[in-house]
Every structure is written in C-alpha cells, then in structure tokens.
C-alpha atoms as a PDB file:
ATOM      1  CA  MET A   1      14.081 -28.773 -27.536  1.00  0.00           C
ATOM      2  CA  VAL A   2      14.524 -25.235 -27.109  1.00  0.00           C
ATOM      3  CA  GLU A   3      15.004 -24.069 -23.682  1.00  0.00           C
ATOM      4  CA  HIS A   4      16.125 -20.542 -23.825  1.00  0.00           C
ATOM      5  CA  THR A   5      14.793 -17.883 -26.048  1.00  0.00           C
ATOM      6  CA  THR A   6      16.167 -14.821 -25.392  1.00  0.00           C
ATOM      7  CA  VAL A   7      15.828 -11.295 -28.122  1.00  0.00           C
ATOM      8  CA  VAL A   8      17.199  -8.296 -27.640  1.00  0.00           C
ATOM      9  CA  HIS A   9      14.883  -5.608 -28.538  1.00  0.00           C
ATOM     10  CA  GLY A  10      15.753  -1.935 -29.685  1.00  0.00           C
ATOM     11  CA  ILE A  11      14.234   0.780 -28.817  1.00  0.00           C
ATOM     12  CA  THR A  12      13.033   3.521 -31.586  1.00  0.00           C
ATOM     13  CA  ARG A  13      12.246   6.921 -30.826  1.00  0.00           C
ATOM     14  CA  ASN A  14       8.634   7.702 -33.369  1.00  0.00           C
ATOM     15  CA  THR A  15       8.049  10.697 -34.720  1.00  0.00           C
ATOM     16  CA  THR A  16       4.920  11.812 -36.998  1.00  0.00           C
ATOM     17  CA  HIS A  17       5.056  14.012 -39.816  1.00  0.00           C
ATOM     18  CA  GLN A  18       2.436  16.293 -41.244  1.00  0.00           C
ATOM     19  CA  GLY A  19       0.631  13.406 -44.435  1.00  0.00           C
ATOM     20  CA  GLY A  20       0.674  10.701 -41.489  1.00  0.00           C
ATOM     21  CA  TRP A  21       4.153   9.273 -41.667  1.00  0.00           C
ATOM     22  CA  VAL A  22       6.452   8.060 -39.353  1.00  0.00           C
ATOM     23  CA  GLU A  23      10.221   8.478 -38.733  1.00  0.00           C
ATOM     24  CA  TYR A  24      11.894   5.764 -36.505  1.00  0.00           C
ATOM     25  CA  GLU A  25      14.844   6.744 -34.872  1.00  0.00           C
ATOM     26  CA  PRO A  26      16.751   4.328 -33.139  1.00  0.00           C
ATOM     27  CA  THR A  27      18.128   5.749 -29.927  1.00  0.00           C
ATOM     28  CA  GLY A  28      20.567   3.439 -29.199  1.00  0.00           C
ATOM     29  CA  ARG A  29      18.948   2.099 -26.170  1.00  0.00           C
ATOM     30  CA  ALA A  30      17.376  -1.684 -25.960  1.00  0.00           C
ATOM     31  CA  VAL A  31      15.972  -4.645 -23.640  1.00  0.00           C
ATOM     32  CA  VAL A  32      17.245  -8.620 -23.217  1.00  0.00           C
ATOM     33  CA  ARG A  33      14.249 -10.604 -22.774  1.00  0.00           C
ATOM     34  CA  CYS A  34      14.693 -14.628 -22.336  1.00  0.00           C
ATOM     35  CA  THR A  35      11.997 -17.177 -22.155  1.00  0.00           C
ATOM     36  CA  CYS A  36      13.920 -17.798 -18.426  1.00  0.00           C
ATOM     37  CA  GLY A  37      13.052 -14.181 -16.927  1.00  0.00           C
ATOM     38  CA  LEU A  38      16.004 -12.599 -17.278  1.00  0.00           C
ATOM     39  CA  ASP A  39      14.965  -8.568 -17.993  1.00  0.00           C
ATOM     40  CA  SER A  40      18.529  -6.125 -18.394  1.00  0.00           C
ATOM     41  CA  GLY A  41      16.106  -3.741 -18.178  1.00  0.00           C
ATOM     42  CA  VAL A  42      17.048  -0.526 -21.345  1.00  0.00           C
ATOM     43  CA  VAL A  43      20.342  -0.509 -21.696  1.00  0.00           C
ATOM     44  CA  ALA A  44      23.077   0.826 -23.902  1.00  0.00           C
ATOM     45  CA  GLU A  45      22.427  -1.578 -27.402  1.00  0.00           C
ATOM     46  CA  THR A  46      25.975  -3.099 -26.952  1.00  0.00           C
ATOM     47  CA  GLN A  47      25.955  -3.571 -23.381  1.00  0.00           C
ATOM     48  CA  ALA A  48      22.615  -5.653 -24.294  1.00  0.00           C
ATOM     49  CA  VAL A  49      24.318  -7.000 -27.273  1.00  0.00           C
ATOM     50  CA  GLN A  50      26.348  -8.465 -24.516  1.00  0.00           C
ATOM     51  CA  ILE A  51      24.361  -9.804 -22.508  1.00  0.00           C
ATOM     52  CA  ALA A  52      22.349 -11.504 -24.864  1.00  0.00           C
ATOM     53  CA  ASP A  53      25.278 -13.274 -26.316  1.00  0.00           C
ATOM     54  CA  ASP A  54      26.450 -14.023 -22.229  1.00  0.00           C
ATOM     55  CA  HIS A  55      23.214 -15.139 -21.298  1.00  0.00           C
ATOM     56  CA  ARG A  56      23.332 -17.439 -24.132  1.00  0.00           C
ATOM     57  CA  ARG A  57      26.726 -19.425 -24.065  1.00  0.00           C
ATOM     58  CA  THR A  58      26.139 -19.087 -20.151  1.00  0.00           C
ATOM     59  CA  ALA A  59      22.440 -21.145 -20.518  1.00  0.00           C
ATOM     60  CA  ALA A  60      24.540 -23.967 -23.401  1.00  0.00           C
ATOM     61  CA  GLU A  61      27.424 -24.333 -20.782  1.00  0.00           C
ATOM     62  CA  ALA A  62      24.821 -25.650 -18.014  1.00  0.00           C
ATOM     63  CA  ARG A  63      22.976 -27.683 -20.516  1.00  0.00           C
ATOM     64  CA  LEU A  64      26.087 -29.509 -21.154  1.00  0.00           C
END
C-alpha cells in the first residue's frame, strides 16, 4: 500500500512560434505536492528536490 505519493512538478515557460510549434523553456522553479496534503508553493528546483527527499524520508521513518 502506498501511503504517500510525492511529486515534483517542474515549471516551464511556453513560447508559441510562427507555424504553431511550441518551445518549453525551464524556469528553474518547481512545486512539490504529496497526497498527504504537502504543497511547497513555488520554490527553486534544487530546493524542491530537497523538500521531496526530506518528506519521503520522514514518511518512511514514521512507518517504522
């Protein structure tokens, strides 16, 4: 049974060009969300990865 599903969503900037093609440019920002209700808000991608890792570790320790 999965108690927590933690996901890091990277935020991109979309630019539509002539001819209809779209360019997705990373912004370096992300959001961390978990099924337990965690929502980090918009933070730097490196911070988002750390938040997700810490949250997963804390959840795993709580199950022990």
